[in-house]
Amino acid sequence: MKREVLAPLMAAAILFTTVNSAHAQPAQVALDLPEASLKVSPPDDSEPTWSTLLEMSDASSVDSMEMALVSEMIAKVEAARKPKGARAVGRELAKENYGWGRYQYSCLDSLWTRESHWNYRARNPITGAHGIPQALPATRMEIISSDWRSNPITQIEWGLRYISIRYETPCRALAKFKRSRYY
């Protein structure tokens, strides 16, 4: 997503944090942004488990928990645009989604370092393979999301899924790569 589109959401997250940290009485706070008008309604004390409702331009509303998740996801995508961040995200997703520990991650790191150096923009000009896992054809990553060209997390998720389905583990995928120079 473009930063211009996300600016109102980020401003709302800051405002939400400020209102909640001050333990203010439930009230509606308005924030006028160039593109949208934002209203924040903190929950009253009788409903401590309800999250704050954010209304944007009176046309849509966003739950504060959803906004926090969006903010966290944006931070992960931005971090994953660099090889070090992509490795961290890859390690986390491999552990969370597949239960692959250090040993399997070392194989994954070796495999994707050889394939793309963890560069989400990597593209093989001869074959057309694209991204961190070097998907061929690159459009296969649309199974995960249509933003595969610009989102390294989409590429990592697709690559992990592909390895799991085809080879079961990154070490088996790496062994195949060593034998034939592809996996």
C-alpha atoms as a PDB file:
ATOM      1  CA  MET A   1       0.000   0.000   0.000  1.00  0.00           C
ATOM      2  CA  LYS A   2       1.092   3.531  -0.603  1.00  0.00           C
ATOM      3  CA  ARG A   3       2.073   5.672   2.326  1.00  0.00           C
ATOM      4  CA  GLU A   4      -0.405   8.413   1.326  1.00  0.00           C
ATOM      5  CA  VAL A   5      -3.272   5.955   1.728  1.00  0.00           C
ATOM      6  CA  LEU A   6      -1.999   4.739   5.083  1.00  0.00           C
ATOM      7  CA  ALA A   7      -1.309   8.179   6.572  1.00  0.00           C
ATOM      8  CA  PRO A   8      -4.827   8.572   8.010  1.00  0.00           C
ATOM      9  CA  LEU A   9      -4.633   5.114   9.601  1.00  0.00           C
ATOM     10  CA  MET A  10      -1.232   5.800  11.136  1.00  0.00           C
ATOM     11  CA  ALA A  11      -2.391   9.189  12.460  1.00  0.00           C
ATOM     12  CA  ALA A  12      -5.424   7.500  13.969  1.00  0.00           C
ATOM     13  CA  ALA A  13      -3.228   4.896  15.653  1.00  0.00           C
ATOM     14  CA  ILE A  14      -1.167   7.664  17.239  1.00  0.00           C
ATOM     15  CA  LEU A  15      -4.305   9.499  18.328  1.00  0.00           C
ATOM     16  CA  PHE A  16      -5.812   6.289  19.726  1.00  0.00           C
ATOM     17  CA  THR A  17      -2.681   5.629  21.776  1.00  0.00           C
ATOM     18  CA  THR A  18      -2.688   9.203  23.089  1.00  0.00           C
ATOM     19  CA  VAL A  19      -6.358   9.111  24.085  1.00  0.00           C
ATOM     20  CA  ASN A  20      -6.078   5.710  25.783  1.00  0.00           C
ATOM     21  CA  SER A  21      -2.826   6.445  27.579  1.00  0.00           C
ATOM     22  CA  ALA A  22      -4.277   9.596  29.102  1.00  0.00           C
ATOM     23  CA  HIS A  23      -7.174   7.559  30.566  1.00  0.00           C
ATOM     24  CA  ALA A  24      -9.517  10.243  29.339  1.00  0.00           C
ATOM     25  CA  GLN A  25     -13.222  10.109  29.952  1.00  0.00           C
ATOM     26  CA  PRO A  26     -15.086   8.525  27.037  1.00  0.00           C
ATOM     27  CA  ALA A  27     -15.560  11.231  24.472  1.00  0.00           C
ATOM     28  CA  GLN A  28     -15.381  11.700  20.783  1.00  0.00           C
ATOM     29  CA  VAL A  29     -12.187  13.223  19.442  1.00  0.00           C
ATOM     30  CA  ALA A  30     -12.067  14.567  15.896  1.00  0.00           C
ATOM     31  CA  LEU A  31      -8.976  14.879  13.736  1.00  0.00           C
ATOM     32  CA  ASP A  32      -9.159  16.609  10.370  1.00  0.00           C
ATOM     33  CA  LEU A  33      -6.706  15.275   7.841  1.00  0.00           C
ATOM     34  CA  PRO A  34      -6.289  16.544   4.295  1.00  0.00           C
ATOM     35  CA  GLU A  35      -7.980  13.458   2.838  1.00  0.00           C
ATOM     36  CA  ALA A  36     -10.402  12.426   5.564  1.00  0.00           C
ATOM     37  CA  SER A  37     -12.085  13.397   8.756  1.00  0.00           C
ATOM     38  CA  LEU A  38     -11.339  11.011  11.599  1.00  0.00           C
ATOM     39  CA  LYS A  39     -13.369  10.510  14.772  1.00  0.00           C
ATOM     40  CA  VAL A  40     -12.226   8.392  17.693  1.00  0.00           C
ATOM     41  CA  SER A  41     -14.678   7.036  20.235  1.00  0.00           C
ATOM     42  CA  PRO A  42     -12.897   5.398  23.171  1.00  0.00           C
ATOM     43  CA  PRO A  43     -14.913   2.771  25.038  1.00  0.00           C
ATOM     44  CA  ASP A  44     -16.528   3.779  28.281  1.00  0.00           C
ATOM     45  CA  ASP A  45     -15.347   2.226  31.551  1.00  0.00           C
ATOM     46  CA  SER A  46     -18.275  -0.185  31.684  1.00  0.00           C
ATOM     47  CA  GLU A  47     -16.942  -1.977  28.584  1.00  0.00           C
ATOM     48  CA  PRO A  48     -13.191  -2.436  29.139  1.00  0.00           C
ATOM     49  CA  THR A  49     -12.876  -5.297  26.646  1.00  0.00           C
ATOM     50  CA  TRP A  50     -14.300  -3.348  23.710  1.00  0.00           C
ATOM     51  CA  SER A  51     -11.775  -1.691  21.463  1.00  0.00           C
ATOM     52  CA  THR A  52     -12.066   1.857  20.240  1.00  0.00           C
ATOM     53  CA  LEU A  53     -14.082   2.444  17.095  1.00  0.00           C
ATOM     54  CA  LEU A  54     -12.576   4.746  14.493  1.00  0.00           C
ATOM     55  CA  GLU A  55     -14.878   6.384  11.989  1.00  0.00           C
ATOM     56  CA  MET A  56     -13.311   7.766   8.861  1.00  0.00           C
ATOM     57  CA  SER A  57     -15.203  10.324   6.744  1.00  0.00           C
ATOM     58  CA  ASP A  58     -18.480   9.016   8.152  1.00  0.00           C
ATOM     59  CA  ALA A  59     -18.362   6.436   5.350  1.00  0.00           C
ATOM     60  CA  SER A  60     -16.453   3.606   6.987  1.00  0.00           C
ATOM     61  CA  SER A  61     -15.190   2.571  10.361  1.00  0.00           C
ATOM     62  CA  VAL A  62     -12.104   0.700  11.472  1.00  0.00           C
ATOM     63  CA  ASP A  63     -11.754  -1.191  14.723  1.00  0.00           C
ATOM     64  CA  SER A  64      -8.637  -0.155  16.634  1.00  0.00           C
ATOM     65  CA  MET A  65      -7.454  -3.767  16.883  1.00  0.00           C
ATOM     66  CA  GLU A  66      -7.678  -4.094  13.104  1.00  0.00           C
ATOM     67  CA  MET A  67      -5.718  -0.872  12.774  1.00  0.00           C
ATOM     68  CA  ALA A  68      -3.029  -2.190  15.103  1.00  0.00           C
ATOM     69  CA  LEU A  69      -2.757  -5.354  12.999  1.00  0.00           C
ATOM     70  CA  VAL A  70      -2.500  -3.309   9.803  1.00  0.00           C
ATOM     71  CA  SER A  71       0.196  -1.159  11.380  1.00  0.00           C
ATOM     72  CA  GLU A  72       2.153  -4.223  12.509  1.00  0.00           C
ATOM     73  CA  MET A  73       1.865  -5.820   9.079  1.00  0.00           C
ATOM     74  CA  ILE A  74       3.079  -2.648   7.347  1.00  0.00           C
ATOM     75  CA  ALA A  75       6.120  -2.570   9.621  1.00  0.00           C
ATOM     76  CA  LYS A  76       6.892  -6.233   8.789  1.00  0.00           C
ATOM     77  CA  VAL A  77       6.595  -5.634   5.041  1.00  0.00           C
ATOM     78  CA  GLU A  78       8.872  -2.597   5.228  1.00  0.00           C
ATOM     79  CA  ALA A  79      11.439  -4.547   7.267  1.00  0.00           C
ATOM     80  CA  ALA A  80      11.287  -7.486   4.843  1.00  0.00           C
ATOM     81  CA  ARG A  81      12.240  -5.260   1.909  1.00  0.00           C
ATOM     82  CA  LYS A  82      15.841  -5.600   3.111  1.00  0.00           C
ATOM     83  CA  PRO A  83      17.557  -9.017   3.160  1.00  0.00           C
ATOM     84  CA  LYS A  84      18.120  -8.954   6.933  1.00  0.00           C
ATOM     85  CA  GLY A  85      14.439  -8.215   7.577  1.00  0.00           C
ATOM     86  CA  ALA A  86      13.334 -10.822   5.034  1.00  0.00           C
ATOM     87  CA  ARG A  87      15.445 -13.430   6.811  1.00  0.00           C
ATOM     88  CA  ALA A  88      13.863 -12.536  10.157  1.00  0.00           C
ATOM     89  CA  VAL A  89      10.357 -12.766   8.695  1.00  0.00           C
ATOM     90  CA  GLY A  90      11.235 -16.038   6.954  1.00  0.00           C
ATOM     91  CA  ARG A  91      12.559 -17.527  10.202  1.00  0.00           C
ATOM     92  CA  GLU A  92       9.434 -16.427  12.072  1.00  0.00           C
ATOM     93  CA  LEU A  93       6.979 -17.736   9.469  1.00  0.00           C
ATOM     94  CA  ALA A  94       8.847 -21.033   9.066  1.00  0.00           C
ATOM     95  CA  LYS A  95       8.669 -21.616  12.826  1.00  0.00           C
ATOM     96  CA  GLU A  96       5.070 -20.429  13.308  1.00  0.00           C
ATOM     97  CA  ASN A  97       3.454 -22.012  10.255  1.00  0.00           C
ATOM     98  CA  TYR A  98       5.526 -25.157   9.712  1.00  0.00           C
ATOM     99  CA  GLY A  99       7.361 -25.829  12.964  1.00  0.00           C
ATOM    100  CA  TRP A 100      10.751 -25.629  11.249  1.00  0.00           C
ATOM    101  CA  GLY A 101      13.507 -24.847  13.744  1.00  0.00           C
ATOM    102  CA  ARG A 102      17.099 -23.677  13.423  1.00  0.00           C
ATOM    103  CA  TYR A 103      18.347 -26.604  11.376  1.00  0.00           C
ATOM    104  CA  GLN A 104      15.625 -26.318   8.739  1.00  0.00           C
ATOM    105  CA  TYR A 105      15.954 -22.540   8.723  1.00  0.00           C
ATOM    106  CA  SER A 106      19.696 -22.827   8.002  1.00  0.00           C
ATOM    107  CA  CYS A 107      18.825 -24.881   4.913  1.00  0.00           C
ATOM    108  CA  LEU A 108      16.178 -22.345   3.890  1.00  0.00           C
ATOM    109  CA  ASP A 109      18.635 -19.482   4.366  1.00  0.00           C
ATOM    110  CA  SER A 110      21.250 -21.249   2.260  1.00  0.00           C
ATOM    111  CA  LEU A 111      18.726 -22.069  -0.475  1.00  0.00           C
ATOM    112  CA  TRP A 112      17.241 -18.587  -0.806  1.00  0.00           C
ATOM    113  CA  THR A 113      20.624 -16.900  -0.461  1.00  0.00           C
ATOM    114  CA  ARG A 114      21.773 -18.886  -3.502  1.00  0.00           C
ATOM    115  CA  GLU A 115      18.547 -18.209  -5.387  1.00  0.00           C
ATOM    116  CA  SER A 116      17.963 -14.503  -4.733  1.00  0.00           C
ATOM    117  CA  HIS A 117      20.115 -13.257  -1.837  1.00  0.00           C
ATOM    118  CA  TRP A 118      16.740 -12.649  -0.118  1.00  0.00           C
ATOM    119  CA  ASN A 119      16.015  -9.834  -2.571  1.00  0.00           C
ATOM    120  CA  TYR A 120      12.292  -9.529  -3.244  1.00  0.00           C
ATOM    121  CA  ARG A 121      13.047  -7.771  -6.552  1.00  0.00           C
ATOM    122  CA  ALA A 122      15.329 -10.550  -7.828  1.00  0.00           C
ATOM    123  CA  ARG A 123      14.415 -11.711 -11.315  1.00  0.00           C
ATOM    124  CA  ASN A 124      16.089 -14.202 -13.594  1.00  0.00           C
ATOM    125  CA  PRO A 125      16.156 -12.546 -17.044  1.00  0.00           C
ATOM    126  CA  ILE A 126      16.411 -15.892 -18.835  1.00  0.00           C
ATOM    127  CA  THR A 127      13.723 -17.943 -17.097  1.00  0.00           C
ATOM    128  CA  GLY A 128      11.565 -15.161 -15.631  1.00  0.00           C
ATOM    129  CA  ALA A 129      11.764 -16.644 -12.120  1.00  0.00           C
ATOM    130  CA  HIS A 130      10.954 -13.918  -9.628  1.00  0.00           C
ATOM    131  CA  GLY A 131      11.308 -12.940  -6.002  1.00  0.00           C
ATOM    132  CA  ILE A 132      12.937 -14.394  -2.925  1.00  0.00           C
ATOM    133  CA  PRO A 133      11.957 -18.019  -3.691  1.00  0.00           C
ATOM    134  CA  GLN A 134      12.425 -17.524  -7.472  1.00  0.00           C
ATOM    135  CA  ALA A 135       8.921 -18.676  -8.399  1.00  0.00           C
ATOM    136  CA  LEU A 136       8.535 -19.888 -11.962  1.00  0.00           C
ATOM    137  CA  PRO A 137       6.266 -18.684 -13.395  1.00  0.00           C
ATOM    138  CA  ALA A 138       6.124 -15.757 -11.009  1.00  0.00           C
ATOM    139  CA  THR A 139       2.341 -15.544 -11.250  1.00  0.00           C
ATOM    140  CA  ARG A 140       2.105 -18.740  -9.173  1.00  0.00           C
ATOM    141  CA  MET A 141       2.490 -16.519  -6.118  1.00  0.00           C
ATOM    142  CA  GLU A 142      -0.992 -15.081  -6.764  1.00  0.00           C
ATOM    143  CA  ILE A 143      -2.268 -18.077  -4.769  1.00  0.00           C
ATOM    144  CA  ILE A 144      -1.153 -16.147  -1.683  1.00  0.00           C
ATOM    145  CA  SER A 145      -1.889 -12.586  -2.837  1.00  0.00           C
ATOM    146  CA  SER A 146      -1.903 -10.400  -5.924  1.00  0.00           C
ATOM    147  CA  ASP A 147       0.772  -8.105  -4.436  1.00  0.00           C
ATOM    148  CA  TRP A 148       3.575 -10.630  -5.016  1.00  0.00           C
ATOM    149  CA  ARG A 149       5.631  -8.164  -7.080  1.00  0.00           C
ATOM    150  CA  SER A 150       6.006  -5.668  -4.234  1.00  0.00           C
ATOM    151  CA  ASN A 151       5.393  -7.635  -1.036  1.00  0.00           C
ATOM    152  CA  PRO A 152       8.299  -9.766   0.189  1.00  0.00           C
ATOM    153  CA  ILE A 153       6.080 -11.436   2.804  1.00  0.00           C
ATOM    154  CA  THR A 154       3.770 -12.744   0.080  1.00  0.00           C
ATOM    155  CA  GLN A 155       6.828 -14.203  -1.653  1.00  0.00           C
ATOM    156  CA  ILE A 156       8.121 -15.779   1.552  1.00  0.00           C
ATOM    157  CA  GLU A 157       4.715 -17.274   2.392  1.00  0.00           C
ATOM    158  CA  TRP A 158       4.411 -18.718  -1.097  1.00  0.00           C
ATOM    159  CA  GLY A 159       7.966 -20.096  -1.002  1.00  0.00           C
ATOM    160  CA  LEU A 160       7.454 -21.774   2.365  1.00  0.00           C
ATOM    161  CA  ARG A 161       4.157 -23.272   1.185  1.00  0.00           C
ATOM    162  CA  TYR A 162       5.784 -24.526  -2.021  1.00  0.00           C
ATOM    163  CA  ILE A 163       8.653 -26.158  -0.113  1.00  0.00           C
ATOM    164  CA  SER A 164       6.249 -27.753   2.361  1.00  0.00           C
ATOM    165  CA  ILE A 165       4.019 -29.218  -0.368  1.00  0.00           C
ATOM    166  CA  ARG A 166       6.748 -30.288  -2.779  1.00  0.00           C
ATOM    167  CA  TYR A 167       9.685 -31.244  -0.537  1.00  0.00           C
ATOM    168  CA  GLU A 168       8.272 -31.315   3.015  1.00  0.00           C
ATOM    169  CA  THR A 169      11.301 -29.485   4.447  1.00  0.00           C
ATOM    170  CA  PRO A 170      13.795 -26.808   3.373  1.00  0.00           C
ATOM    171  CA  CYS A 171      16.694 -29.260   3.767  1.00  0.00           C
ATOM    172  CA  ARG A 172      15.139 -31.607   1.206  1.00  0.00           C
ATOM    173  CA  ALA A 173      14.581 -28.650  -1.138  1.00  0.00           C
ATOM    174  CA  LEU A 174      18.217 -27.615  -0.670  1.00  0.00           C
ATOM    175  CA  ALA A 175      19.388 -31.172  -1.425  1.00  0.00           C
ATOM    176  CA  LYS A 176      17.384 -31.081  -4.674  1.00  0.00           C
ATOM    177  CA  PHE A 177      18.880 -27.684  -5.524  1.00  0.00           C
ATOM    178  CA  LYS A 178      22.426 -28.993  -4.968  1.00  0.00           C
ATOM    179  CA  ARG A 179      21.763 -31.916  -7.330  1.00  0.00           C
ATOM    180  CA  SER A 180      20.130 -29.986 -10.176  1.00  0.00           C
ATOM    181  CA  ARG A 181      20.645 -26.236  -9.592  1.00  0.00           C
ATOM    182  CA  TYR A 182      16.895 -25.688  -9.182  1.00  0.00           C
ATOM    183  CA  TYR A 183      14.210 -26.810  -6.781  1.00  0.00           C
END
